[in-house]
Amino acid sequence: MTRVYEVPYLPDEGSRWTLRLAGRPVGTFASRFEALRAAVNFASAEGGDTSIGVEGADGMWRPFGSDVKRPSHLPPMPPVRLVHRS
């Protein structure tokens, strides 16, 4: 089973980025870069089928391997999240 660390584009309401593993929170970070770095570290340590999903500004999730390269096998990504801004 593929494990996917999810790095969102926007912070949570508390202005922190929540790193998730298969939808479950595994840590919060002060910046998106820190969340991405943690995802790379976790995925690299786990190896195997672990990958990283990074949400783009367009709401689309893009998969990356633990080596931060596009994987040859694309794991299932979270659904597109539409953000409504006032």
N, C-alpha and C. Protein backbone atom coordinates (compact mmCIF):
# COMPACT_ATOMS: atom_id res chain seq x y z
N MET A 1 0.84 -1.18 0.00
CA MET A 1 0.00 0.00 0.00
C MET A 1 0.88 1.24 0.00
N THR A 2 0.59 2.16 -0.91
CA THR A 2 1.36 3.38 -1.02
C THR A 2 0.96 4.35 0.09
N ARG A 3 1.97 4.91 0.74
CA ARG A 3 1.76 5.93 1.76
C ARG A 3 2.11 7.27 1.12
N VAL A 4 1.21 8.24 1.25
CA VAL A 4 1.40 9.55 0.62
C VAL A 4 1.39 10.65 1.68
N TYR A 5 2.50 11.36 1.79
CA TYR A 5 2.57 12.56 2.63
C TYR A 5 2.01 13.72 1.81
N GLU A 6 1.10 14.50 2.37
CA GLU A 6 0.41 15.58 1.66
C GLU A 6 0.87 16.94 2.17
N VAL A 7 1.37 17.77 1.24
CA VAL A 7 1.82 19.12 1.57
C VAL A 7 0.85 20.10 0.89
N PRO A 8 0.00 20.80 1.67
CA PRO A 8 -0.98 21.72 1.08
C PRO A 8 -0.34 23.00 0.55
N TYR A 9 -1.06 23.67 -0.33
CA TYR A 9 -0.58 24.93 -0.88
C TYR A 9 -0.76 26.07 0.14
N LEU A 10 -1.91 26.09 0.79
CA LEU A 10 -2.23 27.17 1.73
C LEU A 10 -2.13 26.68 3.18
N PRO A 11 -1.85 27.60 4.10
CA PRO A 11 -1.80 27.21 5.52
C PRO A 11 -3.21 26.98 6.07
N ASP A 12 -3.26 26.37 7.24
CA ASP A 12 -4.53 26.20 7.94
C ASP A 12 -4.97 27.56 8.48
N GLU A 13 -6.09 27.56 9.17
CA GLU A 13 -6.60 28.81 9.74
C GLU A 13 -5.63 29.44 10.73
N GLY A 14 -4.78 28.63 11.36
CA GLY A 14 -3.82 29.13 12.33
C GLY A 14 -2.52 29.59 11.70
N SER A 15 -2.51 29.79 10.37
CA SER A 15 -1.31 30.23 9.63
C SER A 15 -0.16 29.25 9.75
N ARG A 16 -0.47 27.96 9.85
CA ARG A 16 0.55 26.91 9.87
C ARG A 16 0.18 25.86 8.84
N TRP A 17 1.18 25.22 8.30
CA TRP A 17 0.97 24.17 7.30
C TRP A 17 0.94 22.82 8.00
N THR A 18 -0.14 22.07 7.79
CA THR A 18 -0.28 20.75 8.39
C THR A 18 0.15 19.70 7.38
N LEU A 19 1.16 18.94 7.74
CA LEU A 19 1.61 17.82 6.93
C LEU A 19 0.73 16.63 7.29
N ARG A 20 0.20 15.97 6.29
CA ARG A 20 -0.69 14.83 6.52
C ARG A 20 -0.12 13.58 5.86
N LEU A 21 -0.45 12.46 6.44
CA LEU A 21 -0.11 11.16 5.86
C LEU A 21 -1.44 10.45 5.64
N ALA A 22 -1.79 10.27 4.36
CA ALA A 22 -3.07 9.66 4.00
C ALA A 22 -4.24 10.37 4.70
N GLY A 23 -4.20 11.69 4.75
CA GLY A 23 -5.27 12.48 5.32
C GLY A 23 -5.21 12.71 6.82
N ARG A 24 -4.28 12.07 7.51
CA ARG A 24 -4.16 12.23 8.96
C ARG A 24 -2.98 13.14 9.30
N PRO A 25 -3.18 14.14 10.17
CA PRO A 25 -2.10 15.06 10.51
C PRO A 25 -0.91 14.33 11.16
N VAL A 26 0.30 14.69 10.72
CA VAL A 26 1.51 14.13 11.33
C VAL A 26 2.44 15.23 11.84
N GLY A 27 2.09 16.49 11.60
CA GLY A 27 2.89 17.60 12.09
C GLY A 27 2.43 18.92 11.51
N THR A 28 2.73 20.01 12.22
CA THR A 28 2.44 21.35 11.70
C THR A 28 3.74 22.14 11.64
N PHE A 29 3.81 23.06 10.67
CA PHE A 29 5.05 23.77 10.41
C PHE A 29 4.77 25.24 10.12
N ALA A 30 5.76 26.08 10.40
CA ALA A 30 5.62 27.53 10.24
C ALA A 30 5.62 27.96 8.77
N SER A 31 6.13 27.12 7.87
CA SER A 31 6.15 27.47 6.46
C SER A 31 5.91 26.25 5.60
N ARG A 32 5.52 26.48 4.37
CA ARG A 32 5.30 25.39 3.42
C ARG A 32 6.62 24.67 3.13
N PHE A 33 7.69 25.43 3.06
CA PHE A 33 9.00 24.83 2.81
C PHE A 33 9.37 23.85 3.92
N GLU A 34 9.11 24.23 5.18
CA GLU A 34 9.42 23.33 6.30
C GLU A 34 8.56 22.07 6.23
N ALA A 35 7.29 22.21 5.85
CA ALA A 35 6.41 21.04 5.72
C ALA A 35 6.92 20.13 4.60
N LEU A 36 7.35 20.71 3.49
CA LEU A 36 7.88 19.92 2.38
C LEU A 36 9.18 19.21 2.79
N ARG A 37 10.04 19.92 3.49
CA ARG A 37 11.30 19.32 3.95
C ARG A 37 11.02 18.14 4.88
N ALA A 38 10.05 18.29 5.78
CA ALA A 38 9.70 17.20 6.69
C ALA A 38 9.13 16.01 5.91
N ALA A 39 8.30 16.29 4.91
CA ALA A 39 7.74 15.22 4.08
C ALA A 39 8.84 14.45 3.36
N VAL A 40 9.82 15.16 2.82
CA VAL A 40 10.94 14.51 2.14
C VAL A 40 11.73 13.66 3.13
N ASN A 41 11.99 14.19 4.31
CA ASN A 41 12.74 13.43 5.32
C ASN A 41 11.99 12.17 5.75
N PHE A 42 10.69 12.31 6.02
CA PHE A 42 9.88 11.15 6.42
C PHE A 42 9.84 10.11 5.30
N ALA A 43 9.56 10.56 4.08
CA ALA A 43 9.43 9.64 2.95
C ALA A 43 10.76 8.95 2.65
N SER A 44 11.86 9.68 2.74
CA SER A 44 13.17 9.09 2.50
C SER A 44 13.50 8.03 3.54
N ALA A 45 13.16 8.30 4.80
CA ALA A 45 13.45 7.35 5.87
C ALA A 45 12.61 6.08 5.72
N GLU A 46 11.37 6.23 5.24
CA GLU A 46 10.49 5.08 5.09
C GLU A 46 10.78 4.28 3.83
N GLY A 47 11.14 5.00 2.75
CA GLY A 47 11.44 4.32 1.48
C GLY A 47 10.24 3.57 0.94
N GLY A 48 10.52 2.55 0.13
CA GLY A 48 9.45 1.72 -0.42
C GLY A 48 8.47 2.49 -1.26
N ASP A 49 7.20 2.28 -0.97
CA ASP A 49 6.12 2.90 -1.74
C ASP A 49 5.70 4.26 -1.19
N THR A 50 6.50 4.87 -0.35
CA THR A 50 6.15 6.16 0.22
C THR A 50 6.39 7.27 -0.80
N SER A 51 5.44 8.17 -0.93
CA SER A 51 5.59 9.28 -1.86
C SER A 51 5.06 10.56 -1.22
N ILE A 52 5.15 11.66 -1.97
CA ILE A 52 4.76 12.97 -1.48
C ILE A 52 3.78 13.58 -2.49
N GLY A 53 2.67 14.09 -1.99
CA GLY A 53 1.72 14.82 -2.82
C GLY A 53 1.82 16.29 -2.48
N VAL A 54 2.06 17.13 -3.49
CA VAL A 54 2.20 18.57 -3.26
C VAL A 54 1.06 19.28 -4.00
N GLU A 55 0.29 20.06 -3.26
CA GLU A 55 -0.82 20.80 -3.85
C GLU A 55 -0.29 22.07 -4.52
N GLY A 56 -0.71 22.30 -5.76
CA GLY A 56 -0.32 23.49 -6.48
C GLY A 56 -1.29 24.63 -6.25
N ALA A 57 -0.94 25.81 -6.73
CA ALA A 57 -1.80 26.98 -6.59
C ALA A 57 -3.14 26.78 -7.31
N ASP A 58 -3.16 25.88 -8.28
CA ASP A 58 -4.38 25.59 -9.03
C ASP A 58 -5.27 24.56 -8.35
N GLY A 59 -4.87 24.09 -7.15
CA GLY A 59 -5.65 23.11 -6.42
C GLY A 59 -5.39 21.67 -6.83
N MET A 60 -4.55 21.46 -7.81
CA MET A 60 -4.22 20.11 -8.27
C MET A 60 -3.08 19.54 -7.43
N TRP A 61 -3.18 18.25 -7.12
CA TRP A 61 -2.14 17.56 -6.37
C TRP A 61 -1.20 16.89 -7.35
N ARG A 62 0.10 17.03 -7.11
CA ARG A 62 1.10 16.43 -7.98
C ARG A 62 1.97 15.49 -7.15
N PRO A 63 2.17 14.28 -7.66
CA PRO A 63 2.94 13.29 -6.90
C PRO A 63 4.44 13.40 -7.13
N PHE A 64 5.20 13.15 -6.08
CA PHE A 64 6.66 13.09 -6.14
C PHE A 64 7.11 11.91 -5.31
N GLY A 65 8.22 11.33 -5.69
CA GLY A 65 8.78 10.23 -4.91
C GLY A 65 9.56 10.77 -3.73
N SER A 66 10.08 9.87 -2.91
CA SER A 66 10.84 10.29 -1.74
C SER A 66 12.14 10.97 -2.13
N ASP A 67 12.55 10.83 -3.41
CA ASP A 67 13.75 11.51 -3.91
C ASP A 67 13.39 12.85 -4.55
N VAL A 68 12.14 13.29 -4.37
CA VAL A 68 11.60 14.54 -4.89
C VAL A 68 11.62 14.58 -6.42
N LYS A 69 11.49 13.44 -7.04
CA LYS A 69 11.34 13.34 -8.49
C LYS A 69 9.97 12.76 -8.78
N ARG A 70 9.48 13.02 -9.98
CA ARG A 70 8.19 12.46 -10.37
C ARG A 70 8.31 10.94 -10.43
N PRO A 71 7.42 10.21 -9.74
CA PRO A 71 7.51 8.75 -9.76
C PRO A 71 7.01 8.16 -11.08
N SER A 72 7.50 6.97 -11.43
CA SER A 72 7.04 6.32 -12.65
C SER A 72 5.64 5.76 -12.44
N HIS A 73 5.33 5.33 -11.20
CA HIS A 73 3.99 4.85 -10.85
C HIS A 73 3.30 5.96 -10.08
N LEU A 74 2.17 6.45 -10.57
CA LEU A 74 1.48 7.55 -9.92
C LEU A 74 0.53 7.04 -8.85
N PRO A 75 0.79 7.36 -7.58
CA PRO A 75 -0.11 6.93 -6.50
C PRO A 75 -1.39 7.77 -6.52
N PRO A 76 -2.44 7.30 -5.88
CA PRO A 76 -3.67 8.10 -5.81
C PRO A 76 -3.42 9.37 -4.99
N MET A 77 -3.88 10.48 -5.49
CA MET A 77 -3.70 11.78 -4.83
C MET A 77 -5.00 12.19 -4.17
N PRO A 78 -4.92 13.09 -3.19
CA PRO A 78 -6.14 13.61 -2.55
C PRO A 78 -6.99 14.32 -3.61
N PRO A 79 -8.28 14.46 -3.35
CA PRO A 79 -9.14 15.17 -4.30
C PRO A 79 -8.76 16.64 -4.40
N VAL A 80 -9.13 17.26 -5.49
CA VAL A 80 -8.87 18.69 -5.69
C VAL A 80 -9.65 19.45 -4.63
N ARG A 81 -8.99 20.38 -3.98
CA ARG A 81 -9.65 21.21 -2.96
C ARG A 81 -9.84 22.59 -3.53
N LEU A 82 -11.09 22.99 -3.63
CA LEU A 82 -11.39 24.33 -4.12
C LEU A 82 -11.44 25.27 -2.94
N VAL A 83 -10.65 26.33 -3.01
CA VAL A 83 -10.60 27.30 -1.93
C VAL A 83 -11.37 28.54 -2.37
N HIS A 84 -12.33 28.89 -1.58
CA HIS A 84 -13.13 30.08 -1.86
C HIS A 84 -12.63 31.21 -0.98
N ARG A 85 -12.23 32.27 -1.60
CA ARG A 85 -11.74 33.42 -0.85
C ARG A 85 -12.75 34.55 -0.94
N SER A 86 -12.91 35.24 0.16
CA SER A 86 -13.87 36.34 0.20
C SER A 86 -13.23 37.61 -0.25
